[in-house]
Protein backbone atom coordinates (compact mmCIF):
# COMPACT_ATOMS: atom_id res chain seq x y z
CA MET A 1 0.41 -0.40 0.17
CA ALA A 2 1.80 3.17 -1.50
CA ARG A 3 1.33 6.64 0.27
CA PRO A 4 0.74 9.39 -1.70
CA ALA A 5 3.51 12.26 -1.78
CA SER A 6 0.94 14.84 -1.01
CA ALA A 7 -0.21 13.35 2.18
CA LEU A 8 0.40 15.53 5.23
CA ARG A 9 1.53 14.72 8.61
CA ALA A 10 2.04 16.37 12.41
CA ARG A 11 5.13 17.55 12.52
CA PRO A 12 7.08 16.99 15.82
CA ALA A 13 6.58 19.60 17.92
CA ALA A 14 9.76 20.66 20.32
CA ALA A 15 10.40 17.54 22.04
CA ALA A 16 13.58 17.94 23.85
CA LEU A 17 16.08 15.46 25.35
CA HIS A 18 17.32 15.64 28.98
CA ARG A 19 20.16 14.21 30.39
CA LEU A 20 19.75 12.61 33.79
CA THR A 21 22.80 13.36 36.73
CA ASP A 22 25.25 10.65 37.37
CA LEU A 23 23.42 10.29 41.07
CA ALA A 24 20.14 9.82 39.71
CA HIS A 25 21.05 7.68 36.81
CA ALA A 26 22.57 4.81 38.90
CA GLU A 27 19.44 5.31 41.63
CA LEU A 28 17.49 5.01 38.02
CA ARG A 29 19.45 2.24 37.40
CA GLN A 30 19.11 0.34 40.72
CA ARG A 31 14.82 1.12 40.92
CA MET A 32 14.00 -0.36 37.58
CA VAL A 33 16.03 -4.23 38.43
CA PHE A 34 13.68 -4.10 41.78
CA GLU A 35 10.92 -2.38 40.60
CA GLY A 36 10.86 -2.73 37.37
CA CYS A 37 11.77 -6.86 37.09
CA LYS A 38 14.89 -5.03 34.66
CA TRP A 39 17.21 -7.97 35.61
CA ASP A 40 19.53 -7.38 32.64
CA PRO A 41 20.24 -3.73 32.00
CA GLN A 42 22.66 -3.49 29.83
CA VAL A 43 23.25 -5.88 26.49
CA GLY A 44 27.04 -7.49 26.23
CA ASP A 45 28.89 -4.06 27.51
CA VAL A 46 25.82 -1.44 26.16
CA GLU A 47 23.72 0.03 29.29
CA VAL A 48 20.63 0.06 28.00
CA VAL A 49 19.25 1.80 30.92
CA GLY A 50 19.14 5.67 29.22
CA ARG A 51 20.57 8.18 31.11
CA GLN A 52 18.29 10.69 28.69
CA VAL A 53 15.24 11.52 29.16
CA LEU A 54 12.43 12.89 26.27
CA VAL A 55 10.29 15.44 27.43
CA LEU A 56 7.12 15.60 24.73
CA PRO A 57 5.44 19.08 24.60
CA PRO A 58 1.65 18.36 24.90
CA GLU A 59 0.88 18.69 21.04
CA ASP A 60 2.88 15.56 20.34
CA VAL A 61 1.61 13.81 22.97
CA ALA A 62 -2.34 14.32 21.27
CA THR A 63 -0.86 13.95 17.70
CA LEU A 64 0.66 10.31 18.98
CA THR A 65 -2.10 9.37 21.22
CA ALA A 66 -4.62 9.95 18.41
CA ALA A 67 -2.39 8.01 15.72
CA ALA A 68 -1.86 5.01 17.41
CA GLU A 69 -5.42 4.65 18.44
CA ALA A 70 -6.28 5.07 14.66
CA LEU A 71 -3.98 2.92 13.41
CA ALA A 72 -4.95 -0.15 16.19
CA ALA A 73 -8.70 0.46 15.40
CA GLU A 74 -7.46 0.13 11.29
CA SER A 75 -5.19 -3.14 12.06
CA LEU A 76 -8.01 -5.18 14.07
CA ARG A 77 -10.57 -4.02 10.64
CA LEU A 78 -7.21 -5.62 8.54
CA GLU A 79 -7.11 -8.78 10.38
CA ARG A 80 -10.83 -9.59 10.91
CA ALA A 81 -10.80 -8.91 6.65
CA LEU A 82 -7.69 -11.25 6.44
CA LEU A 83 -9.10 -14.12 8.50
CA GLU A 84 -11.56 -14.35 5.77
CA ARG A 85 -9.35 -14.62 3.35
CA PRO A 86 -7.01 -17.64 3.79
CA ASP A 87 -6.04 -17.81 0.04
CA LEU A 88 -4.07 -14.35 0.78
CA HIS A 89 -2.24 -15.71 3.58
CA ALA A 90 0.64 -16.81 1.42
CA LEU A 91 0.95 -14.02 -0.16
CA ILE A 92 1.65 -12.12 3.12
CA GLY A 93 4.28 -14.67 4.57
CA ILE A 94 2.15 -16.67 6.85
CA PRO A 95 4.28 -19.80 7.20
CA ARG A 96 2.88 -22.90 5.90
CA ALA A 97 1.83 -24.65 9.10
CA LEU A 98 -0.03 -21.35 10.59
CA ARG A 99 -2.36 -21.74 7.70
CA ASP A 100 -4.75 -24.38 8.91
CA PRO A 101 -4.86 -23.48 12.29
CA LEU A 102 -5.67 -19.83 10.95
CA ARG A 103 -8.71 -21.13 9.39
CA ALA A 104 -10.00 -23.20 12.67
CA ALA A 105 -9.68 -19.21 13.73
CA ARG A 106 -12.70 -18.19 11.63
CA GLU A 107 -14.89 -20.23 13.52
CA ARG A 108 -13.59 -19.05 17.00
CA PRO A 109 -16.60 -18.71 19.37
CA ALA A 110 -17.12 -14.65 20.17
CA THR A 111 -14.46 -13.91 23.09
CA ASP A 112 -13.91 -10.62 24.98
CA ASP A 113 -10.11 -11.11 24.11
CA LEU A 114 -7.87 -8.11 25.74
CA ARG A 115 -5.85 -6.65 22.93
CA VAL A 116 -2.71 -4.90 23.09
CA MET A 117 -0.34 -3.33 20.15
CA ARG A 118 2.83 -1.20 19.87
CA PHE A 119 3.44 1.25 17.20
CA ASP A 120 6.83 2.31 16.53
CA PHE A 121 7.32 6.16 15.66
CA HIS A 122 10.01 7.97 14.26
CA PRO A 123 10.18 11.72 14.46
CA THR A 124 11.48 13.05 11.03
CA ASP A 125 11.52 16.60 9.62
CA ALA A 126 8.72 15.99 7.66
CA GLY A 127 6.41 14.90 10.69
CA TRP A 128 6.43 11.46 12.68
CA VAL A 129 6.33 8.35 10.67
CA VAL A 130 5.68 4.59 12.09
CA SER A 131 7.73 2.05 10.67
CA GLU A 132 5.46 -0.99 12.29
CA VAL A 133 3.16 -2.34 14.69
CA ASN A 134 3.70 -5.20 17.42
CA CYS A 135 0.57 -6.84 17.50
CA ASP A 136 1.22 -10.15 18.26
CA VAL A 137 4.06 -9.90 21.32
CA PRO A 138 5.19 -6.27 22.19
CA GLY A 139 7.43 -5.96 24.74
CA GLY A 140 8.57 -2.81 26.71
CA PHE A 141 5.65 -2.64 29.43
CA ALA A 142 8.47 -1.78 32.26
CA GLU A 143 10.59 0.78 30.41
CA ALA A 144 6.86 2.54 29.80
CA GLY A 145 5.66 2.29 32.46
CA ALA A 146 8.22 1.54 35.89
CA MET A 147 11.19 3.61 34.21
CA PRO A 148 9.23 7.19 33.07
CA ARG A 149 7.11 7.04 36.72
CA ILE A 150 10.86 6.75 38.41
CA VAL A 151 12.49 9.12 36.47
CA ALA A 152 9.55 11.73 37.12
CA GLN A 153 10.51 11.21 40.64
CA LEU A 154 13.92 11.80 40.62
CA SER A 155 14.24 14.89 37.91
CA GLY A 156 10.90 16.78 38.07
CA LEU A 157 11.13 16.73 34.21
CA GLY A 158 7.73 16.16 33.68
CA ALA A 159 4.48 13.78 33.74
CA PRO A 160 4.60 10.01 33.66
CA GLY A 161 1.90 8.96 30.34
CA PRO A 162 -0.14 6.06 31.39
CA ASP A 163 1.53 2.96 32.67
CA PRO A 164 0.89 -0.22 30.18
CA ALA A 165 1.52 -3.05 32.53
CA GLN A 166 -1.28 -1.71 34.95
CA ALA A 167 -3.71 -0.96 31.68
CA LEU A 168 -3.31 -4.52 30.51
CA ALA A 169 -3.74 -5.84 34.36
CA ASP A 170 -6.86 -3.39 34.35
CA GLY A 171 -8.65 -4.96 31.57
CA LEU A 172 -7.96 -8.29 32.43
CA GLN A 173 -9.54 -8.03 35.73
CA ARG A 174 -12.76 -6.67 33.98
CA ARG A 175 -12.83 -10.16 32.07
CA SER A 176 -12.10 -12.58 34.91
CA ALA A 177 -13.28 -13.36 38.07
CA PRO A 178 -11.56 -12.44 41.56
CA GLY A 179 -9.02 -15.04 41.87
CA ALA A 180 -8.78 -15.98 38.23
CA ARG A 181 -5.71 -18.29 37.57
CA VAL A 182 -3.51 -16.16 34.72
CA ALA A 183 -1.31 -17.77 32.43
CA LEU A 184 1.97 -15.85 31.62
CA VAL A 185 3.14 -18.20 28.17
CA HIS A 186 6.93 -17.38 27.58
CA ALA A 187 10.42 -19.02 26.97
CA THR A 188 11.19 -19.61 30.33
CA SER A 189 14.81 -20.46 29.59
CA PHE A 190 15.27 -16.84 28.56
CA SER A 191 15.80 -14.46 31.60
CA ASP A 192 14.72 -11.32 29.43
CA ASP A 193 11.68 -12.77 28.59
CA ARG A 194 10.96 -13.46 31.76
CA GLN A 195 11.55 -10.29 33.57
CA VAL A 196 8.66 -9.03 31.25
CA MET A 197 6.45 -11.43 32.75
CA GLU A 198 7.72 -11.17 35.89
CA HIS A 199 6.29 -7.56 35.56
CA LEU A 200 3.03 -8.14 34.62
CA GLY A 201 2.69 -10.87 37.02
CA GLN A 202 3.12 -8.18 40.30
CA ALA A 203 0.16 -5.88 38.28
CA LEU A 204 -1.85 -8.62 37.93
CA SER A 205 -1.18 -10.18 41.44
CA ALA A 206 -2.02 -6.77 42.92
CA ARG A 207 -5.74 -7.05 41.43
CA GLY A 208 -6.41 -10.30 43.01
CA LEU A 209 -5.58 -12.31 40.01
CA ARG A 210 -3.62 -15.42 39.93
CA PRO A 211 -0.41 -15.60 37.62
CA ILE A 212 0.52 -18.36 36.60
CA TYR A 213 4.33 -18.38 35.00
CA ALA A 214 4.35 -21.37 32.01
CA ALA A 215 6.59 -21.91 28.96
CA PRO A 216 4.20 -22.44 26.13
CA ASP A 217 4.62 -26.53 26.00
CA HIS A 218 3.44 -26.07 29.78
CA LEU A 219 -0.30 -26.04 28.27
CA ARG A 220 -2.53 -28.60 26.56
CA TRP A 221 -5.48 -27.04 24.22
CA ALA A 222 -8.88 -27.92 23.49
CA THR A 223 -11.75 -26.22 22.29
CA GLY A 224 -13.36 -24.47 25.24
CA SER A 225 -10.32 -25.05 27.83
CA ALA A 226 -6.52 -24.42 28.63
CA ARG A 227 -4.70 -26.75 30.90
CA CYS A 228 -1.73 -25.91 33.06
CA ILE A 229 0.88 -28.84 33.39
CA ALA A 230 3.71 -27.24 35.23
CA GLY A 231 4.05 -28.58 38.59
CA GLY A 232 2.61 -26.66 41.26
CA ALA A 233 0.24 -25.03 39.20
CA GLU A 234 -1.80 -27.69 37.81
CA GLY A 235 -5.22 -27.06 36.36
CA GLU A 236 -7.09 -24.96 34.13
CA VAL A 237 -6.54 -21.25 33.67
CA ALA A 238 -9.06 -18.57 32.90
CA ALA A 239 -7.27 -16.24 30.42
CA VAL A 240 -3.62 -16.46 28.82
CA VAL A 241 -1.01 -13.43 28.18
CA ARG A 242 1.39 -14.48 25.70
CA PHE A 243 4.81 -13.87 25.20
CA PHE A 244 6.11 -16.08 22.56
CA PRO A 245 5.71 -15.28 19.59
CA THR A 246 3.02 -17.39 17.37
CA GLU A 247 5.32 -17.78 14.03
CA TRP A 248 7.44 -19.75 16.98
CA LEU A 249 4.29 -22.23 17.68
CA PRO A 250 5.03 -24.94 14.73
CA SER A 251 8.82 -25.29 17.06
CA LEU A 252 6.41 -26.75 19.70
CA SER A 253 5.55 -30.55 20.37
CA ALA A 254 2.52 -31.72 18.41
CA ALA A 255 1.65 -33.25 22.23
CA CYS A 256 0.28 -29.72 23.76
CA GLY A 257 -1.74 -29.71 21.05
CA TRP A 258 -1.09 -25.63 20.44
CA PRO A 259 -3.27 -25.79 16.61
CA ALA A 260 -6.24 -25.54 19.17
CA MET A 261 -4.78 -22.45 20.39
CA PHE A 262 -6.17 -20.59 17.54
CA GLY A 263 -10.08 -22.04 17.86
CA SER A 264 -10.17 -21.86 21.65
CA ALA A 265 -12.93 -19.99 23.75
CA VAL A 266 -10.36 -19.36 26.07
CA GLN A 267 -9.66 -15.29 26.24
CA GLN A 268 -5.95 -14.93 24.91
CA CYS A 269 -4.00 -11.89 25.25
CA ASN A 270 -3.64 -11.50 21.73
CA PRO A 271 -5.17 -14.29 20.08
CA PRO A 272 -2.55 -16.25 17.57
CA GLY A 273 -4.69 -14.42 14.43
CA ALA A 274 -2.77 -11.62 15.22
CA VAL A 275 0.07 -12.68 13.30
CA LEU A 276 -1.91 -12.09 10.32
CA VAL A 277 -1.18 -8.17 10.66
CA GLN A 278 1.84 -8.88 12.88
CA SER A 279 3.28 -9.91 9.23
CA LYS A 280 5.35 -6.26 7.84
CA ARG A 281 4.04 -7.90 4.65
CA ALA A 282 0.19 -7.07 5.27
CA MET A 283 -0.40 -4.06 3.56
CA LEU A 284 0.37 -5.72 0.67
CA SER A 285 -2.96 -7.47 0.97
CA VAL A 286 -5.30 -4.37 1.28
CA PRO A 287 -5.20 -3.86 -2.82
CA ALA A 288 -7.21 -7.08 -2.93
CA LEU A 289 -9.47 -6.91 0.28
CA GLY A 290 -10.68 -3.26 -1.06
CA LEU A 291 -10.11 -1.63 2.35
CA GLU A 292 -9.63 1.89 2.80
CA LEU A 293 -7.07 2.23 6.07
CA PRO A 294 -6.49 6.48 5.86
CA ALA A 295 -4.67 6.16 9.19
CA TRP A 296 -2.22 3.32 8.06
CA ARG A 297 -1.53 5.45 4.45
CA ARG A 298 -1.43 8.78 6.16
CA TRP A 299 1.47 7.91 8.90
CA SER A 300 3.13 4.89 7.52
CA PRO A 301 5.67 4.88 4.36
CA GLY A 302 3.68 2.33 2.87
CA ALA A 303 4.88 -1.54 1.47
CA ARG A 304 5.83 -2.87 -1.78
CA GLU A 305 7.40 -6.16 -2.90
CA PRO A 306 10.59 -6.77 -3.20
CA ASP A 307 12.87 -6.74 -6.59
CA LEU A 308 16.17 -6.80 -7.57
CA ARG A 309 16.75 -3.24 -8.82
CA GLY A 310 15.15 -1.82 -4.94
CA LEU A 311 17.51 -4.09 -3.62
CA PHE A 312 19.77 -1.52 -4.60
CA ASP A 313 18.13 1.71 -4.46
CA ASP A 314 18.89 3.86 -1.19
CA ARG A 315 15.77 5.27 -1.21
CA LEU A 316 13.84 2.01 -0.19
CA VAL A 317 14.60 0.19 3.40
CA LEU A 318 14.18 -3.72 3.23
CA LYS A 319 12.56 -5.67 5.99
CA SER A 320 12.19 -9.32 7.08
CA ALA A 321 8.30 -10.05 7.28
CA TRP A 322 9.28 -11.40 10.68
CA GLY A 323 12.05 -8.97 12.34
CA ARG A 324 12.01 -7.73 16.06
CA VAL A 325 14.13 -5.23 17.75
CA GLY A 326 15.69 -4.11 14.61
CA GLU A 327 16.42 -7.66 13.07
CA GLY A 328 16.20 -8.00 9.40
CA VAL A 329 16.55 -4.25 8.55
CA ALA A 330 18.84 -3.57 5.54
CA ILE A 331 19.42 0.57 5.42
CA ARG A 332 22.10 1.32 2.91
CA GLY A 333 24.75 3.47 5.06
CA CYS A 334 23.50 2.22 8.57
CA THR A 335 23.90 -1.91 8.03
CA ASP A 336 26.89 -3.76 8.06
CA SER A 337 28.05 -4.70 4.54
CA ARG A 338 28.36 -8.23 4.71
CA GLU A 339 25.00 -7.95 6.92
CA LEU A 340 23.37 -5.86 3.92
CA LEU A 341 24.22 -8.56 1.43
CA ARG A 342 23.20 -11.62 3.54
CA MET A 343 19.86 -9.83 3.60
CA ARG A 344 19.56 -8.83 -0.06
CA VAL A 345 20.14 -12.61 -1.05
CA GLY A 346 17.54 -14.08 1.55
CA ALA A 347 15.09 -11.44 -0.26
CA THR A 348 16.22 -12.84 -3.95
CA LEU A 349 15.37 -16.95 -2.17
CA GLU A 350 12.59 -16.37 -0.52
CA ARG A 351 10.67 -13.26 -1.42
CA ARG A 352 7.64 -13.12 0.34
CA GLN A 353 9.64 -13.51 3.56
CA TRP A 354 10.62 -9.23 2.98
CA VAL A 355 9.40 -6.39 2.24
CA MET A 356 10.34 -3.01 1.02
CA GLN A 357 9.30 0.14 2.43
CA ASP A 358 10.09 4.08 1.27
CA ARG A 359 13.03 4.90 3.06
CA PHE A 360 11.96 7.97 5.68
CA ASP A 361 14.93 10.07 7.47
CA SER A 362 15.41 10.09 10.98
CA ALA A 363 15.70 13.74 12.22
CA PRO A 364 17.70 12.96 15.37
CA LEU A 365 17.35 15.56 18.52
CA GLY A 366 20.87 17.09 20.00
CA SER A 367 22.24 15.77 23.34
CA THR A 368 25.12 15.80 25.28
CA ASP A 369 25.48 12.38 24.08
CA GLY A 370 25.86 13.60 20.72
CA PRO A 371 22.66 13.55 18.26
CA LEU A 372 20.44 10.31 18.85
CA HIS A 373 18.00 8.93 16.83
CA LEU A 374 14.39 8.07 18.52
CA CYS A 375 11.60 5.79 18.13
CA VAL A 376 8.81 5.93 20.68
CA GLY A 377 6.46 3.10 20.60
CA VAL A 378 2.63 4.36 21.43
CA PHE A 379 0.70 1.15 23.27
CA VAL A 380 -3.15 0.67 22.46
CA ILE A 381 -4.82 -1.51 25.00
CA ASP A 382 -8.50 -1.92 24.48
CA GLY A 383 -8.92 0.53 21.85
CA ARG A 384 -7.17 3.24 24.24
CA ALA A 385 -3.82 4.86 23.97
CA ALA A 386 -1.76 3.06 26.81
CA GLY A 387 1.76 4.74 27.16
CA PHE A 388 5.20 5.44 25.36
CA TYR A 389 8.51 3.35 25.42
CA GLY A 390 11.10 5.22 24.09
CA ARG A 391 14.66 3.89 22.51
CA ALA A 392 17.65 6.10 21.35
CA ALA A 393 20.98 5.13 19.56
CA LEU A 394 23.40 6.97 17.49
CA ALA A 395 22.18 5.76 13.89
CA PRO A 396 18.34 5.75 12.47
CA ARG A 397 18.20 2.00 12.47
CA ILE A 398 16.89 1.40 16.04
CA ASP A 399 18.05 -2.22 17.19
CA LYS A 400 18.99 -4.34 20.27
CA HIS A 401 22.16 -1.97 21.09
CA ALA A 402 19.87 0.84 21.60
CA PHE A 403 19.07 2.35 24.95
CA ASP A 404 16.07 2.73 26.70
CA VAL A 405 15.10 6.09 26.74
CA ALA A 406 12.08 7.75 29.79
CA VAL A 407 9.46 9.31 28.11
CA LEU A 408 7.87 12.09 29.92
CA CYS A 409 4.79 14.55 28.90
CA GLY A 410 5.26 18.24 29.56
């Protein structure tokens, strides 16, 4: 879905970066470990709890909030339309092992699922641009909630926005009976995944719900139920919060019955049908669906099929359909030459696992650490904006080496 060159976006207002003192940063880092469950405050030798604080003026808060809510509504429309068009699933890169389960999702009983999305915005000289949405298993809850709260207390630079972990817990509390068991499903061998779920689990416990920490193969799925078999946590669960990507599900043993998840009436956050829009190729289906998605047309750089000429066009960006945290993003001048070659070869051999976007020029903000490129992730939970997740890097590609930035509202 290409975006008309004449489309106008709201220009970023006077967002500004401020630097914490050494003493304030040391306290922030310690409190994020204990209050935010951020047990891995660095990646390798890179400190990821940043010293910089982004203060958004009211104009930018209003712009990003309205844009994200409109994009979320359109994303759900697109997902529902794609569920009814299995003939388009190959086009958008859905793995073959997921296509039959997705057909079953069309017959799933009506369920009031809690939907959580995060839209990643970047400031440019022409205005804010959204690069992608994570509508399957978004992360960044502590960084968007606990971190701004702590920084606001330490600095007095502004007010924290909504806390997405609290919004998620509120949504599940409204949908659940007191004391309901909620399975927090994640790859339990990874501490960076566990810390996300521990943070959410604390918010659930504060509302009288019972979090159950489980690996994906700890659940046994049926049409009307999900049962946990983990030692000490056996029994049915009322809801599932998943931090294990849908496209990874085929790696599980058939014994857990994971395909039944797609048609199960158990409340899920997010249901696996979210994978249809999680694919960065999803927008390629819009012409065939005949949908009008004005928010996506306005805020995104559009999408197009990879072709040989485009692979060497500096005006285009090549992306993996399933990349996360900046993985599989080829930007000429920002991506290592060997990595760039590998991705170009991959796109040539498996075109339907890649997509191209018009390149936008990230506008860095000045800081005491030098010019920094920003990404502001806006959470939308139950259709309402629910927090800002900031990351920054010296280069335009925001990847695993970027650092977290507390976002405050001015």
